[in-house]
Amino acid sequence: MKRTKKTWVWAKRIALVLLMLALCACSKETGTQKKPEEISRETSAQETDGEKEKPEESTKASLNTDPIEPFPSQEPETEETSETAESDYNWEKKAIIGTDIHYLSRTLTDGDSGFQHMVEHGDGKVVTYIEQITDAFLEEVIRQKPDMLILSGDLTLDGEKKSHEELAQKLYSVEDAGIPVLVIPGNHDINNRHAAQYKGEERFPAEFTTPEEFREIYRDFGYDEAISEDWTTLSYVYEADEYNRLLMLDTCQYNPKALVGGAILTDTYEWIEMELEDAWDNGMNVIPVAHHNLLDESEIYVDDCTIEHGEQLMYILEDWGVPFFLSGHLHVQHSKRSDDNFGIWEMVTSSLATPACQYGNLLFRDDGSFSYWTQSVDVEQWAKRHNRTERDLLEFDDFKEPFLRRVFYNQSYDALQKISGLTENQRKRMSELYSELNYHYYQGTAYQIRDVVLKDPDYQLWMGDGSFTVLTDYVQYIISDAKRDYNRVEGD
């Protein structure tokens, strides 16, 4: 796409305004004032019984030379309509974003040693209590009453059909509360041959989910209400209200089987451009959502996290003036702008399944400004309200951080065992430091401990000869990226 299309649209709109100005000025010279819609329809200037011409201030309103309102009105403002117009245009909407829930149906595990080993040596997902975390999250959404709930993929642990079906049933409670739920798939959700169930010490295959089944299961959560669907993928457009549309992008590759990385098909790019142009012509804001990242949020995980050739999508969105992009997949709380002073913002919400088990809040306004911040699910209060007896749930804040630190410690220790020349004590100390640093990185708060880590002798062990594992590069990247708190973004 050439970067001149939006300019052409603006030129067309400005030309139309200039034409309206000329017509209004012409009618004023002849002593007859007309509403713009009267001119365009070439209706008679004669007044009907009981009607009077609009006062002079109405004509001045119609001659406003500023053509760039967020949502231009169709009628000139009058004393009777000014109060309504102000309330219509000074709006603020709220969305809650949850991502990477990795829900696992309770019917697919007995909680025995095979399941526990997967959890303890995984990537930090609290799968043991994922049903309780999900229920607590959905209850918080209902209490907050946002304008919409967005779930940006990896809805299930590994695409088990039973997990999808069970989660979908839970989402009806949000819809029943009058809050639209909008979903898209993640790389774990469709045609995933790793779908499994856990019995005793063993792991067995479970039924996975096809694209057709995914759409059917979640038909009431975006798909059946869509005003447009991309028939080559599970992408769609949802019109939230008279001002806002959500561009829900399926960036996953799952034919014939699921891949980790994301991409967008050529036909889908054509559909995206068509939908952006239609939204522009109708004066609509567009909120794009995808599972994979638009920008290189992590220098370590570029290949599998950033959309392949994602710069093409970035340019298209910027050309149409889209201010921000929502994604997940990384499991790390992060945000970035395509240019330091100009360009599109991307907010990557961390996994709901990974401590701090948080979600994103987004306020977006008619003037194009927005605010984004994160919030942790209050599992403890949920457990008390539902008379749960499990200590881990009643004291979830004390449970979740040590859990994630232990997982990260195991990751490091397992990797360092393969490295000769290190003592057992050194492996343990290095793993403790890695656990501390990676924990803060996942929370988006590594900047808080950056200076302390740089002075730590165990950090120098990590930097040693620079040839330990890929974790060495990862540690260095976290330090270089620890610049600010990634839990809050203010856009204007």
Protein backbone atom coordinates (compact mmCIF):
# COMPACT_ATOMS: atom_id res chain seq x y z
CA MET A 1 0.00 0.00 0.00
CA LYS A 2 1.30 3.44 -0.92
CA ARG A 3 1.42 5.94 1.90
CA THR A 4 -0.73 8.37 -0.12
CA LYS A 5 -4.14 6.72 0.22
CA LYS A 6 -5.07 8.44 3.48
CA THR A 7 -3.90 11.78 2.11
CA TRP A 8 -6.20 11.26 -0.88
CA VAL A 9 -9.13 10.55 1.44
CA TRP A 10 -8.41 13.72 3.43
CA ALA A 11 -8.19 15.73 0.22
CA LYS A 12 -11.56 14.40 -0.89
CA ARG A 13 -13.12 15.33 2.46
CA ILE A 14 -11.59 18.81 2.50
CA ALA A 15 -12.78 19.43 -1.07
CA LEU A 16 -16.29 18.49 0.01
CA VAL A 17 -16.15 20.96 2.92
CA LEU A 18 -14.93 23.74 0.62
CA LEU A 19 -17.81 23.03 -1.73
CA MET A 20 -20.25 23.27 1.17
CA LEU A 21 -18.72 26.59 2.21
CA ALA A 22 -19.12 27.99 -1.28
CA LEU A 23 -22.75 26.90 -1.48
CA CYS A 24 -23.56 28.36 1.94
CA ALA A 25 -21.87 31.65 1.07
CA CYS A 26 -23.79 31.79 -2.19
CA SER A 27 -27.15 31.25 -0.48
CA LYS A 28 -26.31 33.95 2.08
CA GLU A 29 -25.62 36.49 -0.67
CA THR A 30 -29.07 35.84 -2.20
CA GLY A 31 -30.71 36.35 1.18
CA THR A 32 -31.75 32.71 1.64
CA GLN A 33 -30.12 30.55 4.30
CA LYS A 34 -30.23 26.80 3.80
CA LYS A 35 -29.19 23.81 5.83
CA PRO A 36 -26.41 21.81 4.19
CA GLU A 37 -28.70 18.81 3.83
CA GLU A 38 -31.29 21.02 2.15
CA ILE A 39 -28.70 22.11 -0.39
CA SER A 40 -27.51 18.61 -1.11
CA ARG A 41 -31.04 17.33 -1.56
CA GLU A 42 -32.12 20.41 -3.58
CA THR A 43 -35.28 20.77 -1.52
CA SER A 44 -37.51 23.79 -1.58
CA ALA A 45 -36.52 26.80 0.54
CA GLN A 46 -40.12 27.42 1.49
CA GLU A 47 -40.94 26.97 5.17
CA THR A 48 -43.68 24.66 6.33
CA ASP A 49 -46.42 25.85 8.69
CA GLY A 50 -45.03 26.60 12.17
CA GLU A 51 -41.37 26.34 11.08
CA LYS A 52 -38.91 29.22 11.11
CA GLU A 53 -35.51 29.73 9.58
CA LYS A 54 -32.55 28.75 11.81
CA PRO A 55 -30.89 31.66 13.64
CA GLU A 56 -27.67 33.19 12.43
CA GLU A 57 -25.56 31.17 14.88
CA SER A 58 -26.75 27.98 13.20
CA THR A 59 -25.31 29.15 9.90
CA LYS A 60 -22.02 29.98 11.59
CA ALA A 61 -21.91 26.48 13.01
CA SER A 62 -22.45 24.99 9.58
CA LEU A 63 -19.66 27.14 8.20
CA ASN A 64 -17.08 25.81 10.66
CA THR A 65 -13.88 25.56 8.64
CA ASP A 66 -12.34 22.81 10.75
CA PRO A 67 -13.14 19.63 8.76
CA ILE A 68 -11.31 17.23 11.05
CA GLU A 69 -13.66 16.28 13.83
CA PRO A 70 -13.34 12.76 15.25
CA PHE A 71 -16.91 12.01 14.16
CA PRO A 72 -18.33 14.85 11.98
CA SER A 73 -22.01 15.56 12.59
CA GLN A 74 -24.58 15.25 9.86
CA GLU A 75 -26.60 18.26 11.06
CA PRO A 76 -25.51 21.84 11.81
CA GLU A 77 -25.44 22.47 15.54
CA THR A 78 -28.35 24.46 16.95
CA GLU A 79 -29.31 25.60 20.41
CA GLU A 80 -31.69 22.65 20.60
CA THR A 81 -29.06 20.06 19.60
CA SER A 82 -25.85 21.48 21.11
CA GLU A 83 -26.32 19.76 24.47
CA THR A 84 -27.01 16.41 22.80
CA ALA A 85 -24.08 16.82 20.44
CA GLU A 86 -21.69 17.55 23.29
CA SER A 87 -22.76 14.44 25.19
CA ASP A 88 -22.50 12.35 22.01
CA TYR A 89 -18.97 13.43 21.17
CA ASN A 90 -17.35 13.61 24.61
CA TRP A 91 -17.36 9.87 25.11
CA GLU A 92 -15.00 7.47 26.83
CA LYS A 93 -15.12 3.69 26.45
CA LYS A 94 -13.50 0.94 28.48
CA ALA A 95 -12.24 -2.47 27.38
CA ILE A 96 -10.72 -5.21 29.51
CA ILE A 97 -8.11 -7.37 27.79
CA GLY A 98 -7.34 -10.90 28.92
CA THR A 99 -4.89 -13.06 27.03
CA ASP A 100 -3.12 -16.40 27.18
CA ILE A 101 -5.52 -17.92 29.69
CA HIS A 102 -4.33 -21.41 28.78
CA TYR A 103 -7.43 -22.93 30.29
CA LEU A 104 -7.35 -26.68 30.92
CA SER A 105 -10.57 -28.59 31.52
CA ARG A 106 -10.71 -30.22 34.93
CA THR A 107 -11.72 -33.45 33.19
CA LEU A 108 -8.31 -33.75 31.54
CA THR A 109 -6.13 -34.13 34.62
CA ASP A 110 -6.11 -35.99 37.89
CA GLY A 111 -3.50 -33.61 39.32
CA ASP A 112 -1.01 -36.44 39.82
CA SER A 113 2.76 -36.46 39.33
CA GLY A 114 2.75 -36.28 35.53
CA PHE A 115 0.64 -33.13 35.60
CA GLN A 116 2.63 -31.56 38.44
CA HIS A 117 5.95 -32.14 36.67
CA MET A 118 4.57 -30.36 33.59
CA VAL A 119 3.53 -27.41 35.75
CA GLU A 120 6.75 -27.14 37.78
CA HIS A 121 9.05 -27.41 34.76
CA GLY A 122 6.94 -25.44 32.33
CA ASP A 123 7.02 -21.74 31.51
CA GLY A 124 5.34 -20.40 34.63
CA LYS A 125 1.64 -20.99 33.99
CA VAL A 126 -0.37 -21.71 37.15
CA VAL A 127 -2.34 -24.45 35.43
CA THR A 128 -3.11 -26.11 38.77
CA TYR A 129 -5.52 -23.27 39.61
CA ILE A 130 -6.37 -21.99 36.15
CA GLU A 131 -10.10 -22.68 36.54
CA GLN A 132 -10.22 -20.68 39.77
CA ILE A 133 -8.16 -17.83 38.26
CA THR A 134 -10.49 -17.75 35.25
CA ASP A 135 -13.64 -17.69 37.38
CA ALA A 136 -12.22 -14.90 39.57
CA PHE A 137 -11.26 -12.91 36.48
CA LEU A 138 -14.68 -13.21 34.86
CA GLU A 139 -16.40 -12.14 38.07
CA GLU A 140 -14.17 -9.04 38.21
CA VAL A 141 -15.09 -8.22 34.62
CA ILE A 142 -18.79 -8.43 35.46
CA ARG A 143 -18.38 -6.18 38.52
CA GLN A 144 -16.41 -3.57 36.55
CA LYS A 145 -18.95 -3.50 33.70
CA PRO A 146 -16.62 -2.51 30.84
CA ASP A 147 -17.96 -1.85 27.38
CA MET A 148 -16.34 -5.06 26.15
CA LEU A 149 -14.10 -7.99 27.12
CA ILE A 150 -11.36 -8.88 24.62
CA LEU A 151 -9.61 -12.27 24.78
CA SER A 152 -6.63 -12.23 22.44
CA GLY A 153 -5.81 -15.89 21.96
CA ASP A 154 -4.27 -18.95 23.60
CA LEU A 155 -7.57 -19.54 25.30
CA THR A 156 -6.58 -23.11 26.13
CA LEU A 157 -3.48 -24.91 27.37
CA ASP A 158 -2.88 -26.81 24.13
CA GLY A 159 -6.07 -26.57 22.11
CA GLU A 160 -8.01 -29.39 23.79
CA LYS A 161 -11.60 -29.38 22.51
CA LYS A 162 -12.98 -30.04 26.00
CA SER A 163 -11.06 -27.02 27.32
CA HIS A 164 -12.52 -24.77 24.63
CA GLU A 165 -16.04 -26.02 25.28
CA GLU A 166 -15.75 -25.57 29.04
CA LEU A 167 -14.28 -22.07 28.76
CA ALA A 168 -16.98 -20.98 26.31
CA GLN A 169 -19.66 -21.98 28.79
CA LYS A 170 -18.04 -19.75 31.40
CA LEU A 171 -17.99 -16.78 29.01
CA TYR A 172 -21.78 -16.79 28.79
CA SER A 173 -21.93 -15.36 32.31
CA VAL A 174 -20.21 -12.21 31.01
CA GLU A 175 -22.49 -11.95 27.97
CA ASP A 176 -25.52 -12.47 30.21
CA ALA A 177 -24.35 -9.44 32.23
CA GLY A 178 -24.60 -7.33 29.06
CA ILE A 179 -20.87 -7.24 28.31
CA PRO A 180 -19.85 -8.32 24.78
CA VAL A 181 -17.07 -10.92 24.71
CA LEU A 182 -14.77 -10.98 21.67
CA VAL A 183 -12.27 -13.79 21.07
CA ILE A 184 -9.61 -14.73 18.56
CA PRO A 185 -7.43 -17.86 18.50
CA GLY A 186 -3.82 -18.13 19.58
CA ASN A 187 -1.12 -20.50 18.35
CA HIS A 188 -2.07 -23.08 21.02
CA ASP A 189 -5.77 -23.22 20.15
CA ILE A 190 -6.28 -24.88 16.75
CA ASN A 191 -4.99 -28.12 15.19
CA ASN A 192 -2.57 -28.48 18.09
CA ARG A 193 -1.13 -31.99 18.14
CA HIS A 194 0.14 -31.36 21.69
CA ALA A 195 -3.39 -31.45 23.08
CA ALA A 196 -3.12 -33.79 26.05
CA GLN A 197 -4.63 -35.20 29.21
CA TYR A 198 -2.72 -36.25 32.32
CA LYS A 199 -3.32 -39.44 34.28
CA GLY A 200 -0.95 -40.62 37.00
CA GLU A 201 2.60 -40.26 35.73
CA GLU A 202 1.51 -40.40 32.10
CA ARG A 203 0.54 -37.90 29.42
CA PHE A 204 -1.96 -39.05 26.78
CA PRO A 205 -3.27 -37.41 23.58
CA ALA A 206 -6.53 -35.48 23.81
CA GLU A 207 -8.93 -34.41 21.07
CA PHE A 208 -7.72 -31.19 19.44
CA THR A 209 -9.85 -28.45 17.85
CA THR A 210 -10.26 -27.68 14.14
CA PRO A 211 -10.79 -24.13 12.77
CA GLU A 212 -14.43 -24.92 12.02
CA GLU A 213 -14.99 -26.22 15.53
CA PHE A 214 -13.31 -23.15 17.06
CA ARG A 215 -15.70 -20.82 15.24
CA GLU A 216 -18.70 -22.91 16.21
CA ILE A 217 -17.70 -23.09 19.89
CA TYR A 218 -17.17 -19.32 20.10
CA ARG A 219 -19.83 -18.24 17.60
CA ASP A 220 -21.59 -16.12 20.26
CA PHE A 221 -18.38 -14.31 21.19
CA GLY A 222 -17.76 -12.14 18.15
CA TYR A 223 -18.26 -14.30 15.10
CA ASP A 224 -22.03 -14.34 14.69
CA GLU A 225 -22.20 -10.60 15.50
CA ALA A 226 -19.40 -9.68 13.08
CA ILE A 227 -20.19 -7.16 10.33
CA SER A 228 -17.42 -8.69 8.21
CA GLU A 229 -15.40 -11.90 8.23
CA ASP A 230 -12.22 -12.84 6.41
CA TRP A 231 -13.18 -16.22 5.00
CA THR A 232 -9.56 -17.38 4.63
CA THR A 233 -8.89 -17.05 8.38
CA LEU A 234 -10.81 -16.57 11.63
CA SER A 235 -10.43 -12.78 11.45
CA TYR A 236 -13.49 -10.55 11.70
CA VAL A 237 -14.73 -7.01 12.34
CA TYR A 238 -17.02 -6.27 15.27
CA GLU A 239 -18.87 -2.97 15.54
CA ALA A 240 -18.92 -2.11 19.22
CA ASP A 241 -21.05 1.03 18.83
CA GLU A 242 -21.65 3.88 16.40
CA TYR A 243 -18.08 5.12 16.84
CA ASN A 244 -15.84 2.06 17.26
CA ARG A 245 -14.98 -1.11 15.40
CA LEU A 246 -12.66 -3.88 16.51
CA LEU A 247 -10.43 -5.49 13.91
CA MET A 248 -9.95 -8.97 15.37
CA LEU A 249 -7.01 -10.52 13.50
CA ASP A 250 -6.28 -14.22 13.34
CA THR A 251 -2.48 -14.25 12.92
CA CYS A 252 -2.02 -17.95 13.65
CA GLN A 253 -0.70 -20.65 11.35
CA TYR A 254 -2.49 -23.96 11.88
CA ASN A 255 -2.87 -25.65 8.49
CA PRO A 256 -2.20 -28.54 8.51
CA LYS A 257 -0.99 -28.26 12.12
CA ALA A 258 -0.30 -25.53 14.65
CA LEU A 259 2.92 -23.51 14.42
CA VAL A 260 4.24 -21.14 17.07
CA GLY A 261 4.92 -18.10 14.87
CA GLY A 262 2.40 -15.72 13.38
CA ALA A 263 1.76 -14.51 9.83
CA ILE A 264 -0.91 -12.76 7.74
CA LEU A 265 -1.98 -14.08 4.35
CA THR A 266 -2.00 -11.87 1.24
CA ASP A 267 -5.77 -12.21 0.90
CA THR A 268 -6.16 -11.18 4.52
CA TYR A 269 -4.09 -8.03 3.94
CA GLU A 270 -6.47 -7.08 1.13
CA TRP A 271 -9.43 -7.65 3.47
CA ILE A 272 -7.76 -5.55 6.19
CA GLU A 273 -7.25 -2.59 3.83
CA MET A 274 -10.85 -2.82 2.63
CA GLU A 275 -12.15 -2.82 6.21
CA LEU A 276 -9.94 0.09 7.26
CA GLU A 277 -11.13 2.15 4.31
CA ASP A 278 -14.75 1.34 5.07
CA ALA A 279 -14.27 2.33 8.71
CA TRP A 280 -12.64 5.60 7.66
CA ASP A 281 -15.45 6.43 5.25
CA ASN A 282 -17.97 5.84 8.04
CA GLY A 283 -16.06 7.93 10.60
CA MET A 284 -15.26 4.94 12.80
CA ASN A 285 -12.34 4.37 15.15
CA VAL A 286 -10.55 1.04 14.65
CA ILE A 287 -9.03 -1.05 17.45
CA PRO A 288 -6.85 -3.85 16.04
CA VAL A 289 -6.30 -6.98 18.16
CA ALA A 290 -4.08 -9.98 17.43
CA HIS A 291 -2.44 -12.78 19.34
CA HIS A 292 1.06 -12.27 17.93
CA ASN A 293 3.03 -9.07 18.33
CA LEU A 294 3.05 -6.28 15.77
CA LEU A 295 6.47 -4.92 16.80
CA ASP A 296 9.71 -6.59 17.89
CA GLU A 297 8.84 -6.41 21.56
CA SER A 298 11.59 -8.87 22.47
CA GLU A 299 14.93 -9.16 20.72
CA ILE A 300 15.19 -12.75 21.95
CA TYR A 301 11.79 -13.96 20.75
CA VAL A 302 11.41 -12.14 17.44
CA ASP A 303 10.99 -15.14 15.12
CA ASP A 304 8.16 -16.80 17.00
CA CYS A 305 6.49 -13.74 18.59
CA THR A 306 6.45 -10.94 16.01
CA ILE A 307 4.12 -11.34 13.04
CA GLU A 308 6.18 -12.39 10.03
CA HIS A 309 6.79 -9.28 7.88
CA GLY A 310 4.71 -7.40 10.45
CA GLU A 311 6.13 -4.08 9.28
CA GLN A 312 3.67 -4.26 6.37
CA LEU A 313 0.75 -4.35 8.78
CA MET A 314 2.35 -1.61 10.87
CA TYR A 315 2.59 0.72 7.85
CA ILE A 316 -1.00 0.03 6.84
CA LEU A 317 -2.33 0.79 10.32
CA GLU A 318 -0.24 3.94 10.63
CA ASP A 319 -1.41 5.15 7.22
CA TRP A 320 -4.99 4.98 8.42
CA GLY A 321 -4.18 6.77 11.67
CA VAL A 322 -4.74 3.80 14.01
CA PRO A 323 -3.24 4.84 17.39
CA PHE A 324 -2.66 1.50 19.12
CA PHE A 325 -2.53 -2.28 18.75
CA LEU A 326 -3.37 -4.96 21.35
CA SER A 327 -1.62 -8.34 21.53
CA GLY A 328 -0.44 -11.12 23.84
CA HIS A 329 1.58 -14.29 23.16
CA LEU A 330 4.81 -13.07 24.78
CA HIS A 331 3.59 -13.80 28.35
CA VAL A 332 5.64 -10.75 29.35
CA GLN A 333 4.07 -7.40 30.22
CA HIS A 334 5.46 -4.97 27.65
CA SER A 335 4.72 -1.96 25.47
CA LYS A 336 6.48 -0.19 22.64
CA ARG A 337 5.96 2.52 20.05
CA SER A 338 7.02 2.09 16.44
CA ASP A 339 8.76 5.45 16.67
CA ASP A 340 9.84 7.25 19.85
CA ASN A 341 7.82 10.36 19.03
CA PHE A 342 5.42 9.18 16.36
CA GLY A 343 3.79 5.98 15.27
CA ILE A 344 1.56 3.27 16.60
CA TRP A 345 1.67 2.04 20.19
CA GLU A 346 1.53 -1.66 20.96
CA MET A 347 0.44 -2.92 24.37
CA VAL A 348 1.33 -6.57 25.05
CA THR A 349 -0.72 -7.88 27.95
CA SER A 350 0.96 -10.64 29.94
CA SER A 351 -0.55 -14.08 30.38
CA LEU A 352 -3.50 -14.36 32.74
CA ALA A 353 -2.15 -17.79 33.69
CA THR A 354 1.30 -16.51 34.69
CA PRO A 355 1.89 -14.53 37.90
CA ALA A 356 1.04 -11.78 38.54
CA CYS A 357 -2.06 -13.23 36.77
CA GLN A 358 -3.08 -9.84 35.46
CA TYR A 359 -5.15 -8.30 32.71
CA GLY A 360 -5.18 -5.04 30.82
CA ASN A 361 -7.54 -2.08 31.21
CA LEU A 362 -7.98 0.28 28.28
CA LEU A 363 -9.79 3.64 28.23
CA PHE A 364 -10.10 5.14 24.76
CA ARG A 365 -11.70 8.48 23.97
CA ASP A 366 -13.26 10.47 21.16
CA ASP A 367 -10.21 12.75 20.83
CA GLY A 368 -7.93 9.78 20.03
CA SER A 369 -6.26 9.68 23.45
CA PHE A 370 -6.11 6.50 25.52
CA SER A 371 -4.90 5.11 28.83
CA TYR A 372 -3.74 1.54 29.45
CA TRP A 373 -2.83 -0.08 32.75
CA THR A 374 -2.73 -3.57 34.27
CA GLN A 375 -4.47 -5.10 37.24
CA SER A 376 -3.98 -8.43 39.00
CA VAL A 377 -6.90 -10.78 39.52
CA ASP A 378 -7.91 -10.80 43.18
CA VAL A 379 -8.06 -14.56 43.65
CA GLU A 380 -7.98 -14.27 47.43
CA GLN A 381 -11.23 -12.30 47.64
CA TRP A 382 -12.86 -14.64 45.15
CA ALA A 383 -11.83 -17.64 47.28
CA LYS A 384 -13.29 -16.04 50.41
CA ARG A 385 -16.58 -15.19 48.70
CA HIS A 386 -16.94 -18.76 47.47
CA ASN A 387 -15.92 -20.36 50.79
CA ARG A 388 -12.90 -22.12 49.32
CA THR A 389 -10.64 -23.96 51.76
CA GLU A 390 -7.42 -24.32 49.72
CA ARG A 391 -4.64 -22.38 51.40
CA ASP A 392 -2.98 -21.55 48.06
CA LEU A 393 -6.16 -19.77 46.96
CA LEU A 394 -6.90 -18.03 50.26
CA GLU A 395 -3.28 -16.80 50.33
CA PHE A 396 -2.80 -16.56 46.59
CA ASP A 397 -0.63 -13.43 46.74
CA ASP A 398 1.86 -15.34 48.89
CA PHE A 399 1.65 -18.39 46.62
CA LYS A 400 2.01 -16.98 43.11
CA GLU A 401 5.35 -15.17 43.31
CA PRO A 402 7.33 -18.05 44.88
CA PHE A 403 5.70 -20.39 42.37
CA LEU A 404 6.92 -18.40 39.37
CA ARG A 405 10.36 -17.88 40.88
CA ARG A 406 10.65 -21.63 41.43
CA VAL A 407 9.75 -22.33 37.80
CA PHE A 408 12.37 -19.85 36.57
CA TYR A 409 14.94 -21.29 38.98
CA ASN A 410 14.30 -24.75 37.52
CA GLN A 411 14.69 -23.41 33.98
CA SER A 412 18.09 -21.95 34.79
CA TYR A 413 19.34 -24.83 36.89
CA ASP A 414 18.38 -27.41 34.25
CA ALA A 415 20.24 -25.41 31.59
CA LEU A 416 23.34 -24.78 33.72
CA GLN A 417 23.70 -28.46 34.59
CA LYS A 418 24.81 -28.97 31.00
CA ILE A 419 27.66 -26.47 31.44
CA SER A 420 31.01 -27.75 32.69
CA GLY A 421 33.34 -25.64 34.80
CA LEU A 422 30.66 -24.43 37.22
CA THR A 423 30.41 -25.55 40.83
CA GLU A 424 27.08 -26.63 42.32
CA ASN A 425 27.06 -23.50 44.47
CA GLN A 426 27.61 -21.28 41.43
CA ARG A 427 24.73 -22.95 39.55
CA LYS A 428 22.40 -22.33 42.48
CA ARG A 429 23.44 -18.69 42.93
CA MET A 430 23.18 -17.96 39.21
CA SER A 431 19.78 -19.60 39.10
CA GLU A 432 18.57 -17.49 42.03
CA LEU A 433 19.64 -14.33 40.22
CA TYR A 434 18.05 -15.47 36.97
CA SER A 435 14.83 -16.24 38.82
CA GLU A 436 14.75 -12.78 40.39
CA LEU A 437 15.52 -10.95 37.16
CA ASN A 438 13.12 -12.94 34.97
CA TYR A 439 10.32 -12.60 37.51
CA HIS A 440 10.53 -8.81 37.30
CA TYR A 441 10.82 -8.96 33.51
CA TYR A 442 7.53 -10.86 33.28
CA GLN A 443 5.87 -8.24 35.48
CA GLY A 444 7.20 -5.40 33.30
CA THR A 445 9.19 -4.02 36.27
CA ALA A 446 12.80 -5.11 35.62
CA TYR A 447 13.81 -1.44 35.77
CA GLN A 448 13.33 -1.60 39.55
CA ILE A 449 16.24 -4.01 40.09
CA ARG A 450 18.48 -3.25 37.11
CA ASP A 451 21.18 -1.34 39.01
CA VAL A 452 21.26 -3.86 41.84
CA VAL A 453 21.68 -6.77 39.41
CA LEU A 454 24.51 -5.04 37.56
CA LYS A 455 26.50 -4.85 40.83
CA ASP A 456 25.75 -8.44 41.85
CA PRO A 457 28.80 -10.79 41.63
CA ASP A 458 26.52 -13.54 40.32
CA TYR A 459 25.65 -11.35 37.34
CA GLN A 460 29.35 -11.36 36.47
CA LEU A 461 29.22 -15.17 36.59
CA TRP A 462 26.47 -15.02 33.99
CA MET A 463 28.55 -12.72 31.84
CA GLY A 464 31.65 -14.92 32.36
CA ASP A 465 32.76 -16.17 28.95
CA GLY A 466 29.40 -15.41 27.32
CA SER A 467 28.96 -18.98 26.13
CA PHE A 468 26.76 -20.59 28.76
CA THR A 469 23.39 -20.97 27.06
CA VAL A 470 20.78 -18.91 25.29
CA LEU A 471 19.86 -17.78 28.79
CA THR A 472 23.03 -15.67 28.86
CA ASP A 473 21.75 -13.61 25.94
CA TYR A 474 18.37 -13.50 27.59
CA VAL A 475 19.83 -12.05 30.82
CA GLN A 476 21.70 -9.41 28.87
CA TYR A 477 18.57 -8.47 26.94
CA ILE A 478 16.48 -8.08 30.10
CA ILE A 479 19.07 -5.66 31.50
CA SER A 480 19.17 -3.63 28.29
CA ASP A 481 15.37 -3.52 28.10
CA ALA A 482 14.85 -2.53 31.77
CA LYS A 483 14.08 1.11 31.01
CA ARG A 484 10.65 1.83 32.51
CA ASP A 485 7.44 0.41 33.91
CA TYR A 486 5.64 -1.39 31.06
CA ASN A 487 2.36 -1.63 32.98
CA ARG A 488 1.07 1.81 31.99
CA VAL A 489 0.80 3.71 28.71
CA GLU A 490 -0.73 7.13 28.08
CA GLY A 491 -1.38 8.03 24.45
CA ASP A 492 -2.61 11.27 22.93
